[in-house]
ModelCIF file with pLDDT and N, C-alpha, C, O atoms, coordinates in Angstrom:
data_MODEL
#
_entry.id   MODEL 
#
_entity.id                         1 
_entity.type                       polymer 
_entity.pdbx_number_of_molecules   1 
#
_entity_poly.entity_id                      1 
_entity_poly.type                           'polypeptide(L)' 
_entity_poly.nstd_linkage                   no 
_entity_poly.nstd_monomer                   no 
_entity_poly.pdbx_seq_one_letter_code       ILTGSGPKAFVAGADISEFLSLSSDEGSSLAKKGQDIFMRLENC 
_entity_poly.pdbx_seq_one_letter_code_can   ILTGSGPKAFVAGADISEFLSLSSDEGSSLAKKGQDIFMRLENC 
_entity_poly.pdbx_strand_id                 A 
#
loop_
_entity_poly_seq.entity_id 
_entity_poly_seq.num 
_entity_poly_seq.mon_id 
_entity_poly_seq.hetero 
1 1  ILE n 
1 2  LEU n 
1 3  THR n 
1 4  GLY n 
1 5  SER n 
1 6  GLY n 
1 7  PRO n 
1 8  LYS n 
1 9  ALA n 
1 10 PHE n 
1 11 VAL n 
1 12 ALA n 
1 13 GLY n 
1 14 ALA n 
1 15 ASP n 
1 16 ILE n 
1 17 SER n 
1 18 GLU n 
1 19 PHE n 
1 20 LEU n 
1 21 SER n 
1 22 LEU n 
1 23 SER n 
1 24 SER n 
1 25 ASP n 
1 26 GLU n 
1 27 GLY n 
1 28 SER n 
1 29 SER n 
1 30 LEU n 
1 31 ALA n 
1 32 LYS n 
1 33 LYS n 
1 34 GLY n 
1 35 GLN n 
1 36 ASP n 
1 37 ILE n 
1 38 PHE n 
1 39 MET n 
1 40 ARG n 
1 41 LEU n 
1 42 GLU n 
1 43 ASN n 
1 44 CYS n 
#
_struct_asym.id          A 
_struct_asym.entity_id   1 
#
loop_
_ma_qa_metric.id 
_ma_qa_metric.mode 
_ma_qa_metric.name 
_ma_qa_metric.software_group_id 
_ma_qa_metric.type 
1 global pLDDT . pLDDT 
2 local  pLDDT . pLDDT 
#
_ma_qa_metric_global.metric_id      1 
_ma_qa_metric_global.metric_value   93.75 
_ma_qa_metric_global.model_id       1 
_ma_qa_metric_global.ordinal_id     1 
#
loop_
_ma_qa_metric_local.label_asym_id 
_ma_qa_metric_local.label_comp_id 
_ma_qa_metric_local.label_seq_id 
_ma_qa_metric_local.metric_id 
_ma_qa_metric_local.metric_value 
_ma_qa_metric_local.model_id 
_ma_qa_metric_local.ordinal_id 
A ILE 1  2 98.00 1 1  
A LEU 2  2 98.00 1 2  
A THR 3  2 98.00 1 3  
A GLY 4  2 98.00 1 4  
A SER 5  2 97.00 1 5  
A GLY 6  2 94.00 1 6  
A PRO 7  2 90.00 1 7  
A LYS 8  2 95.00 1 8  
A ALA 9  2 97.00 1 9  
A PHE 10 2 98.00 1 10 
A VAL 11 2 97.00 1 11 
A ALA 12 2 95.00 1 12 
A GLY 13 2 91.00 1 13 
A ALA 14 2 85.00 1 14 
A ASP 15 2 83.00 1 15 
A ILE 16 2 85.00 1 16 
A SER 17 2 84.00 1 17 
A GLU 18 2 84.00 1 18 
A PHE 19 2 87.00 1 19 
A LEU 20 2 86.00 1 20 
A SER 21 2 89.00 1 21 
A LEU 22 2 91.00 1 22 
A SER 23 2 94.00 1 23 
A SER 24 2 95.00 1 24 
A ASP 25 2 95.00 1 25 
A GLU 26 2 93.00 1 26 
A GLY 27 2 91.00 1 27 
A SER 28 2 95.00 1 28 
A SER 29 2 94.00 1 29 
A LEU 30 2 93.00 1 30 
A ALA 31 2 94.00 1 31 
A LYS 32 2 96.00 1 32 
A LYS 33 2 96.00 1 33 
A GLY 34 2 96.00 1 34 
A GLN 35 2 97.00 1 35 
A ASP 36 2 97.00 1 36 
A ILE 37 2 97.00 1 37 
A PHE 38 2 98.00 1 38 
A MET 39 2 97.00 1 39 
A ARG 40 2 97.00 1 40 
A LEU 41 2 97.00 1 41 
A GLU 42 2 98.00 1 42 
A ASN 43 2 97.00 1 43 
A CYS 44 2 98.00 1 44 
#
loop_
_atom_site.group_PDB 
_atom_site.id 
_atom_site.type_symbol 
_atom_site.label_atom_id 
_atom_site.label_alt_id 
_atom_site.label_comp_id 
_atom_site.label_asym_id 
_atom_site.label_entity_id 
_atom_site.label_seq_id 
_atom_site.pdbx_PDB_ins_code 
_atom_site.Cartn_x 
_atom_site.Cartn_y 
_atom_site.Cartn_z 
_atom_site.occupancy 
_atom_site.B_iso_or_equiv 
_atom_site.pdbx_formal_charge 
_atom_site.auth_seq_id 
_atom_site.auth_comp_id 
_atom_site.auth_asym_id 
_atom_site.auth_atom_id 
_atom_site.pdbx_PDB_model_num 
ATOM 1   N N  . ILE A 1 1  ? 0.863  -1.172 0.000   1.00 98.00 ? 1  ILE A N  1 
ATOM 2   C CA . ILE A 1 1  ? 0.000  0.000  0.000   1.00 98.00 ? 1  ILE A CA 1 
ATOM 3   C C  . ILE A 1 1  ? 0.902  1.224  0.000   1.00 98.00 ? 1  ILE A C  1 
ATOM 4   O O  . ILE A 1 1  ? 1.764  1.367  0.867   1.00 98.00 ? 1  ILE A O  1 
ATOM 5   N N  . LEU A 1 2  ? 0.705  2.096  -0.963  1.00 98.00 ? 2  LEU A N  1 
ATOM 6   C CA . LEU A 1 2  ? 1.538  3.280  -1.130  1.00 98.00 ? 2  LEU A CA 1 
ATOM 7   C C  . LEU A 1 2  ? 0.700  4.513  -0.836  1.00 98.00 ? 2  LEU A C  1 
ATOM 8   O O  . LEU A 1 2  ? -0.391 4.664  -1.384  1.00 98.00 ? 2  LEU A O  1 
ATOM 9   N N  . THR A 1 3  ? 1.201  5.404  0.030   1.00 98.00 ? 3  THR A N  1 
ATOM 10  C CA . THR A 1 3  ? 0.442  6.595  0.398   1.00 98.00 ? 3  THR A CA 1 
ATOM 11  C C  . THR A 1 3  ? 1.399  7.748  0.686   1.00 98.00 ? 3  THR A C  1 
ATOM 12  O O  . THR A 1 3  ? 2.616  7.612  0.560   1.00 98.00 ? 3  THR A O  1 
ATOM 13  N N  . GLY A 1 4  ? 0.820  8.892  1.078   1.00 98.00 ? 4  GLY A N  1 
ATOM 14  C CA . GLY A 1 4  ? 1.614  10.068 1.408   1.00 98.00 ? 4  GLY A CA 1 
ATOM 15  C C  . GLY A 1 4  ? 1.405  10.477 2.850   1.00 98.00 ? 4  GLY A C  1 
ATOM 16  O O  . GLY A 1 4  ? 0.393  10.139 3.464   1.00 98.00 ? 4  GLY A O  1 
ATOM 17  N N  . SER A 1 5  ? 2.366  11.205 3.386   1.00 97.00 ? 5  SER A N  1 
ATOM 18  C CA . SER A 1 5  ? 2.317  11.633 4.778   1.00 97.00 ? 5  SER A CA 1 
ATOM 19  C C  . SER A 1 5  ? 1.480  12.897 4.935   1.00 97.00 ? 5  SER A C  1 
ATOM 20  O O  . SER A 1 5  ? 1.530  13.799 4.098   1.00 97.00 ? 5  SER A O  1 
ATOM 21  N N  . GLY A 1 6  ? 0.712  12.948 6.019   1.00 94.00 ? 6  GLY A N  1 
ATOM 22  C CA . GLY A 1 6  ? -0.083 14.131 6.300   1.00 94.00 ? 6  GLY A CA 1 
ATOM 23  C C  . GLY A 1 6  ? -1.441 14.098 5.621   1.00 94.00 ? 6  GLY A C  1 
ATOM 24  O O  . GLY A 1 6  ? -1.708 13.222 4.798   1.00 94.00 ? 6  GLY A O  1 
ATOM 25  N N  . PRO A 1 7  ? -2.311 15.063 5.968   1.00 90.00 ? 7  PRO A N  1 
ATOM 26  C CA . PRO A 1 7  ? -3.691 15.059 5.458   1.00 90.00 ? 7  PRO A CA 1 
ATOM 27  C C  . PRO A 1 7  ? -3.879 15.761 4.121   1.00 90.00 ? 7  PRO A C  1 
ATOM 28  O O  . PRO A 1 7  ? -4.973 15.717 3.559   1.00 90.00 ? 7  PRO A O  1 
ATOM 29  N N  . LYS A 1 8  ? -2.842 16.405 3.597   1.00 95.00 ? 8  LYS A N  1 
ATOM 30  C CA . LYS A 1 8  ? -3.034 17.267 2.428   1.00 95.00 ? 8  LYS A CA 1 
ATOM 31  C C  . LYS A 1 8  ? -2.685 16.610 1.103   1.00 95.00 ? 8  LYS A C  1 
ATOM 32  O O  . LYS A 1 8  ? -3.310 16.902 0.083   1.00 95.00 ? 8  LYS A O  1 
ATOM 33  N N  . ALA A 1 9  ? -1.693 15.724 1.106   1.00 97.00 ? 9  ALA A N  1 
ATOM 34  C CA . ALA A 1 9  ? -1.181 15.277 -0.187  1.00 97.00 ? 9  ALA A CA 1 
ATOM 35  C C  . ALA A 1 9  ? -0.763 13.819 -0.179  1.00 97.00 ? 9  ALA A C  1 
ATOM 36  O O  . ALA A 1 9  ? -0.166 13.328 0.778   1.00 97.00 ? 9  ALA A O  1 
ATOM 37  N N  . PHE A 1 10 ? -1.088 13.141 -1.266  1.00 98.00 ? 10 PHE A N  1 
ATOM 38  C CA . PHE A 1 10 ? -0.457 11.866 -1.636  1.00 98.00 ? 10 PHE A CA 1 
ATOM 39  C C  . PHE A 1 10 ? 0.942  12.201 -2.143  1.00 98.00 ? 10 PHE A C  1 
ATOM 40  O O  . PHE A 1 10 ? 1.934  11.929 -1.466  1.00 98.00 ? 10 PHE A O  1 
ATOM 41  N N  . VAL A 1 11 ? 1.019  12.776 -3.305  1.00 97.00 ? 11 VAL A N  1 
ATOM 42  C CA . VAL A 1 11 ? 2.237  13.380 -3.846  1.00 97.00 ? 11 VAL A CA 1 
ATOM 43  C C  . VAL A 1 11 ? 1.774  14.534 -4.727  1.00 97.00 ? 11 VAL A C  1 
ATOM 44  O O  . VAL A 1 11 ? 1.043  14.323 -5.694  1.00 97.00 ? 11 VAL A O  1 
ATOM 45  N N  . ALA A 1 12 ? 2.196  15.752 -4.397  1.00 95.00 ? 12 ALA A N  1 
ATOM 46  C CA . ALA A 1 12 ? 1.693  16.930 -5.103  1.00 95.00 ? 12 ALA A CA 1 
ATOM 47  C C  . ALA A 1 12 ? 2.514  17.258 -6.350  1.00 95.00 ? 12 ALA A C  1 
ATOM 48  O O  . ALA A 1 12 ? 2.393  18.352 -6.900  1.00 95.00 ? 12 ALA A O  1 
ATOM 49  N N  . GLY A 1 13 ? 3.344  16.321 -6.795  1.00 91.00 ? 13 GLY A N  1 
ATOM 50  C CA . GLY A 1 13 ? 4.101  16.536 -8.022  1.00 91.00 ? 13 GLY A CA 1 
ATOM 51  C C  . GLY A 1 13 ? 5.569  16.237 -7.836  1.00 91.00 ? 13 GLY A C  1 
ATOM 52  O O  . GLY A 1 13 ? 5.992  15.734 -6.796  1.00 91.00 ? 13 GLY A O  1 
ATOM 53  N N  . ALA A 1 14 ? 6.339  16.554 -8.860  1.00 85.00 ? 14 ALA A N  1 
ATOM 54  C CA . ALA A 1 14 ? 7.791  16.430 -8.771  1.00 85.00 ? 14 ALA A CA 1 
ATOM 55  C C  . ALA A 1 14 ? 8.339  17.671 -8.072  1.00 85.00 ? 14 ALA A C  1 
ATOM 56  O O  . ALA A 1 14 ? 7.654  18.687 -7.961  1.00 85.00 ? 14 ALA A O  1 
ATOM 57  N N  . ASP A 1 15 ? 9.571  17.577 -7.606  1.00 83.00 ? 15 ASP A N  1 
ATOM 58  C CA . ASP A 1 15 ? 10.230 18.717 -6.975  1.00 83.00 ? 15 ASP A CA 1 
ATOM 59  C C  . ASP A 1 15 ? 10.764 19.622 -8.084  1.00 83.00 ? 15 ASP A C  1 
ATOM 60  O O  . ASP A 1 15 ? 11.833 19.373 -8.640  1.00 83.00 ? 15 ASP A O  1 
ATOM 61  N N  . ILE A 1 16 ? 10.010 20.672 -8.398  1.00 85.00 ? 16 ILE A N  1 
ATOM 62  C CA . ILE A 1 16 ? 10.303 21.523 -9.546  1.00 85.00 ? 16 ILE A CA 1 
ATOM 63  C C  . ILE A 1 16 ? 11.650 22.220 -9.400  1.00 85.00 ? 16 ILE A C  1 
ATOM 64  O O  . ILE A 1 16 ? 12.289 22.553 -10.398 1.00 85.00 ? 16 ILE A O  1 
ATOM 65  N N  . SER A 1 17 ? 12.083 22.442 -8.160  1.00 84.00 ? 17 SER A N  1 
ATOM 66  C CA . SER A 1 17 ? 13.360 23.132 -7.952  1.00 84.00 ? 17 SER A CA 1 
ATOM 67  C C  . SER A 1 17 ? 14.525 22.370 -8.569  1.00 84.00 ? 17 SER A C  1 
ATOM 68  O O  . SER A 1 17 ? 15.569 22.958 -8.852  1.00 84.00 ? 17 SER A O  1 
ATOM 69  N N  . GLU A 1 18 ? 14.358 21.077 -8.778  1.00 84.00 ? 18 GLU A N  1 
ATOM 70  C CA . GLU A 1 18 ? 15.434 20.280 -9.377  1.00 84.00 ? 18 GLU A CA 1 
ATOM 71  C C  . GLU A 1 18 ? 15.477 20.413 -10.899 1.00 84.00 ? 18 GLU A C  1 
ATOM 72  O O  . GLU A 1 18 ? 16.425 19.949 -11.531 1.00 84.00 ? 18 GLU A O  1 
ATOM 73  N N  . PHE A 1 19 ? 14.466 21.040 -11.489 1.00 87.00 ? 19 PHE A N  1 
ATOM 74  C CA . PHE A 1 19 ? 14.367 21.096 -12.952 1.00 87.00 ? 19 PHE A CA 1 
ATOM 75  C C  . PHE A 1 19 ? 15.192 22.218 -13.574 1.00 87.00 ? 19 PHE A C  1 
ATOM 76  O O  . PHE A 1 19 ? 15.593 22.127 -14.734 1.00 87.00 ? 19 PHE A O  1 
ATOM 77  N N  . LEU A 1 20 ? 15.445 23.272 -12.809 1.00 86.00 ? 20 LEU A N  1 
ATOM 78  C CA . LEU A 1 20 ? 15.973 24.502 -13.395 1.00 86.00 ? 20 LEU A CA 1 
ATOM 79  C C  . LEU A 1 20 ? 17.330 24.332 -14.066 1.00 86.00 ? 20 LEU A C  1 
ATOM 80  O O  . LEU A 1 20 ? 17.634 25.016 -15.043 1.00 86.00 ? 20 LEU A O  1 
ATOM 81  N N  . SER A 1 21 ? 18.135 23.433 -13.551 1.00 89.00 ? 21 SER A N  1 
ATOM 82  C CA . SER A 1 21 ? 19.494 23.298 -14.076 1.00 89.00 ? 21 SER A CA 1 
ATOM 83  C C  . SER A 1 21 ? 19.640 22.194 -15.118 1.00 89.00 ? 21 SER A C  1 
ATOM 84  O O  . SER A 1 21 ? 20.746 21.945 -15.597 1.00 89.00 ? 21 SER A O  1 
ATOM 85  N N  . LEU A 1 22 ? 18.541 21.527 -15.478 1.00 91.00 ? 22 LEU A N  1 
ATOM 86  C CA . LEU A 1 22 ? 18.637 20.359 -16.350 1.00 91.00 ? 22 LEU A CA 1 
ATOM 87  C C  . LEU A 1 22 ? 18.741 20.746 -17.818 1.00 91.00 ? 22 LEU A C  1 
ATOM 88  O O  . LEU A 1 22 ? 18.062 21.662 -18.283 1.00 91.00 ? 22 LEU A O  1 
ATOM 89  N N  . SER A 1 23 ? 19.598 20.040 -18.536 1.00 94.00 ? 23 SER A N  1 
ATOM 90  C CA . SER A 1 23 ? 19.657 20.149 -19.986 1.00 94.00 ? 23 SER A CA 1 
ATOM 91  C C  . SER A 1 23 ? 18.585 19.246 -20.602 1.00 94.00 ? 23 SER A C  1 
ATOM 92  O O  . SER A 1 23 ? 17.913 18.501 -19.889 1.00 94.00 ? 23 SER A O  1 
ATOM 93  N N  . SER A 1 24 ? 18.429 19.315 -21.920 1.00 95.00 ? 24 SER A N  1 
ATOM 94  C CA . SER A 1 24 ? 17.469 18.458 -22.607 1.00 95.00 ? 24 SER A CA 1 
ATOM 95  C C  . SER A 1 24 ? 17.780 16.990 -22.372 1.00 95.00 ? 24 SER A C  1 
ATOM 96  O O  . SER A 1 24 ? 16.881 16.202 -22.077 1.00 95.00 ? 24 SER A O  1 
ATOM 97  N N  . ASP A 1 25 ? 19.060 16.613 -22.502 1.00 95.00 ? 25 ASP A N  1 
ATOM 98  C CA . ASP A 1 25 ? 19.445 15.222 -22.287 1.00 95.00 ? 25 ASP A CA 1 
ATOM 99  C C  . ASP A 1 25 ? 19.206 14.799 -20.848 1.00 95.00 ? 25 ASP A C  1 
ATOM 100 O O  . ASP A 1 25 ? 18.770 13.677 -20.592 1.00 95.00 ? 25 ASP A O  1 
ATOM 101 N N  . GLU A 1 26 ? 19.490 15.692 -19.909 1.00 93.00 ? 26 GLU A N  1 
ATOM 102 C CA . GLU A 1 26 ? 19.281 15.369 -18.492 1.00 93.00 ? 26 GLU A CA 1 
ATOM 103 C C  . GLU A 1 26 ? 17.792 15.248 -18.186 1.00 93.00 ? 26 GLU A C  1 
ATOM 104 O O  . GLU A 1 26 ? 17.388 14.426 -17.364 1.00 93.00 ? 26 GLU A O  1 
ATOM 105 N N  . GLY A 1 27 ? 16.973 16.074 -18.852 1.00 91.00 ? 27 GLY A N  1 
ATOM 106 C CA . GLY A 1 27 ? 15.522 15.958 -18.679 1.00 91.00 ? 27 GLY A CA 1 
ATOM 107 C C  . GLY A 1 27 ? 15.008 14.619 -19.180 1.00 91.00 ? 27 GLY A C  1 
ATOM 108 O O  . GLY A 1 27 ? 14.176 13.985 -18.531 1.00 91.00 ? 27 GLY A O  1 
ATOM 109 N N  . SER A 1 28 ? 15.505 14.188 -20.338 1.00 95.00 ? 28 SER A N  1 
ATOM 110 C CA . SER A 1 28 ? 15.106 12.879 -20.871 1.00 95.00 ? 28 SER A CA 1 
ATOM 111 C C  . SER A 1 28 ? 15.535 11.756 -19.943 1.00 95.00 ? 28 SER A C  1 
ATOM 112 O O  . SER A 1 28 ? 14.790 10.800 -19.731 1.00 95.00 ? 28 SER A O  1 
ATOM 113 N N  . SER A 1 29 ? 16.732 11.870 -19.392 1.00 94.00 ? 29 SER A N  1 
ATOM 114 C CA . SER A 1 29 ? 17.230 10.833 -18.474 1.00 94.00 ? 29 SER A CA 1 
ATOM 115 C C  . SER A 1 29 ? 16.385 10.773 -17.216 1.00 94.00 ? 29 SER A C  1 
ATOM 116 O O  . SER A 1 29 ? 16.101 9.689  -16.706 1.00 94.00 ? 29 SER A O  1 
ATOM 117 N N  . LEU A 1 30 ? 15.977 11.939 -16.708 1.00 93.00 ? 30 LEU A N  1 
ATOM 118 C CA . LEU A 1 30 ? 15.116 11.972 -15.524 1.00 93.00 ? 30 LEU A CA 1 
ATOM 119 C C  . LEU A 1 30 ? 13.780 11.304 -15.814 1.00 93.00 ? 30 LEU A C  1 
ATOM 120 O O  . LEU A 1 30 ? 13.284 10.522 -15.004 1.00 93.00 ? 30 LEU A O  1 
ATOM 121 N N  . ALA A 1 31 ? 13.192 11.614 -16.982 1.00 94.00 ? 31 ALA A N  1 
ATOM 122 C CA . ALA A 1 31 ? 11.921 11.005 -17.356 1.00 94.00 ? 31 ALA A CA 1 
ATOM 123 C C  . ALA A 1 31 ? 12.051 9.492  -17.446 1.00 94.00 ? 31 ALA A C  1 
ATOM 124 O O  . ALA A 1 31 ? 11.193 8.760  -16.954 1.00 94.00 ? 31 ALA A O  1 
ATOM 125 N N  . LYS A 1 32 ? 13.126 9.022  -18.076 1.00 96.00 ? 32 LYS A N  1 
ATOM 126 C CA . LYS A 1 32 ? 13.321 7.579  -18.223 1.00 96.00 ? 32 LYS A CA 1 
ATOM 127 C C  . LYS A 1 32 ? 13.512 6.898  -16.880 1.00 96.00 ? 32 LYS A C  1 
ATOM 128 O O  . LYS A 1 32 ? 13.051 5.775  -16.674 1.00 96.00 ? 32 LYS A O  1 
ATOM 129 N N  . LYS A 1 33 ? 14.198 7.585  -15.958 1.00 96.00 ? 33 LYS A N  1 
ATOM 130 C CA . LYS A 1 33 ? 14.381 7.014  -14.621 1.00 96.00 ? 33 LYS A CA 1 
ATOM 131 C C  . LYS A 1 33 ? 13.028 6.864  -13.926 1.00 96.00 ? 33 LYS A C  1 
ATOM 132 O O  . LYS A 1 33 ? 12.732 5.811  -13.362 1.00 96.00 ? 33 LYS A O  1 
ATOM 133 N N  . GLY A 1 34 ? 12.208 7.916  -13.968 1.00 96.00 ? 34 GLY A N  1 
ATOM 134 C CA . GLY A 1 34 ? 10.884 7.836  -13.354 1.00 96.00 ? 34 GLY A CA 1 
ATOM 135 C C  . GLY A 1 34 ? 10.021 6.781  -14.015 1.00 96.00 ? 34 GLY A C  1 
ATOM 136 O O  . GLY A 1 34 ? 9.331  6.019  -13.337 1.00 96.00 ? 34 GLY A O  1 
ATOM 137 N N  . GLN A 1 35 ? 10.058 6.737  -15.353 1.00 97.00 ? 35 GLN A N  1 
ATOM 138 C CA . GLN A 1 35 ? 9.285  5.727  -16.076 1.00 97.00 ? 35 GLN A CA 1 
ATOM 139 C C  . GLN A 1 35 ? 9.696  4.317  -15.682 1.00 97.00 ? 35 GLN A C  1 
ATOM 140 O O  . GLN A 1 35 ? 8.843  3.451  -15.488 1.00 97.00 ? 35 GLN A O  1 
ATOM 141 N N  . ASP A 1 36 ? 10.990 4.084  -15.564 1.00 97.00 ? 36 ASP A N  1 
ATOM 142 C CA . ASP A 1 36 ? 11.485 2.749  -15.214 1.00 97.00 ? 36 ASP A CA 1 
ATOM 143 C C  . ASP A 1 36 ? 10.999 2.328  -13.834 1.00 97.00 ? 36 ASP A C  1 
ATOM 144 O O  . ASP A 1 36 ? 10.576 1.188  -13.639 1.00 97.00 ? 36 ASP A O  1 
ATOM 145 N N  . ILE A 1 37 ? 11.062 3.251  -12.877 1.00 97.00 ? 37 ILE A N  1 
ATOM 146 C CA . ILE A 1 37 ? 10.640 2.927  -11.508 1.00 97.00 ? 37 ILE A CA 1 
ATOM 147 C C  . ILE A 1 37 ? 9.140  2.665  -11.467 1.00 97.00 ? 37 ILE A C  1 
ATOM 148 O O  . ILE A 1 37 ? 8.695  1.703  -10.841 1.00 97.00 ? 37 ILE A O  1 
ATOM 149 N N  . PHE A 1 38 ? 8.361  3.508  -12.127 1.00 98.00 ? 38 PHE A N  1 
ATOM 150 C CA . PHE A 1 38 ? 6.914  3.339  -12.114 1.00 98.00 ? 38 PHE A CA 1 
ATOM 151 C C  . PHE A 1 38 ? 6.497  2.086  -12.885 1.00 98.00 ? 38 PHE A C  1 
ATOM 152 O O  . PHE A 1 38 ? 5.518  1.431  -12.531 1.00 98.00 ? 38 PHE A O  1 
ATOM 153 N N  . MET A 1 39 ? 7.248  1.757  -13.942 1.00 97.00 ? 39 MET A N  1 
ATOM 154 C CA . MET A 1 39 ? 6.958  0.525  -14.681 1.00 97.00 ? 39 MET A CA 1 
ATOM 155 C C  . MET A 1 39 ? 7.206  -0.702 -13.809 1.00 97.00 ? 39 MET A C  1 
ATOM 156 O O  . MET A 1 39 ? 6.501  -1.703 -13.930 1.00 97.00 ? 39 MET A O  1 
ATOM 157 N N  . ARG A 1 40 ? 8.200  -0.628 -12.935 1.00 97.00 ? 40 ARG A N  1 
ATOM 158 C CA . ARG A 1 40 ? 8.460  -1.741 -12.024 1.00 97.00 ? 40 ARG A CA 1 
ATOM 159 C C  . ARG A 1 40 ? 7.291  -1.932 -11.059 1.00 97.00 ? 40 ARG A C  1 
ATOM 160 O O  . ARG A 1 40 ? 6.954  -3.064 -10.713 1.00 97.00 ? 40 ARG A O  1 
ATOM 161 N N  . LEU A 1 41 ? 6.673  -0.835 -10.623 1.00 97.00 ? 41 LEU A N  1 
ATOM 162 C CA . LEU A 1 41 ? 5.474  -0.950 -9.790  1.00 97.00 ? 41 LEU A CA 1 
ATOM 163 C C  . LEU A 1 41 ? 4.341  -1.588 -10.578 1.00 97.00 ? 41 LEU A C  1 
ATOM 164 O O  . LEU A 1 41 ? 3.678  -2.504 -10.090 1.00 97.00 ? 41 LEU A O  1 
ATOM 165 N N  . GLU A 1 42 ? 4.118  -1.105 -11.796 1.00 98.00 ? 42 GLU A N  1 
ATOM 166 C CA . GLU A 1 42 ? 3.028  -1.616 -12.613 1.00 98.00 ? 42 GLU A CA 1 
ATOM 167 C C  . GLU A 1 42 ? 3.180  -3.105 -12.909 1.00 98.00 ? 42 GLU A C  1 
ATOM 168 O O  . GLU A 1 42 ? 2.194  -3.841 -12.945 1.00 98.00 ? 42 GLU A O  1 
ATOM 169 N N  . ASN A 1 43 ? 4.411  -3.541 -13.119 1.00 97.00 ? 43 ASN A N  1 
ATOM 170 C CA . ASN A 1 43 ? 4.677  -4.936 -13.464 1.00 97.00 ? 43 ASN A CA 1 
ATOM 171 C C  . ASN A 1 43 ? 5.007  -5.805 -12.257 1.00 97.00 ? 43 ASN A C  1 
ATOM 172 O O  . ASN A 1 43 ? 5.332  -6.981 -12.417 1.00 97.00 ? 43 ASN A O  1 
ATOM 173 N N  . CYS A 1 44 ? 4.930  -5.247 -11.057 1.00 98.00 ? 44 CYS A N  1 
ATOM 174 C CA . CYS A 1 44 ? 5.186  -6.029 -9.851  1.00 98.00 ? 44 CYS A CA 1 
ATOM 175 C C  . CYS A 1 44 ? 4.190  -7.186 -9.776  1.00 98.00 ? 44 CYS A C  1 
ATOM 176 O O  . CYS A 1 44 ? 4.230  -7.975 -8.832  1.00 98.00 ? 44 CYS A O  1 
#
């Protein structure tokens, strides 16, 4: 069972502060990392 802490949010999004310094290639790598992790949940 996956949930979030506190009464306000499950997960309110990605941490946008980490996006400002990313290049196009780094953005693609971040997306692929998230996709891979979430795909592992889906295929668990």
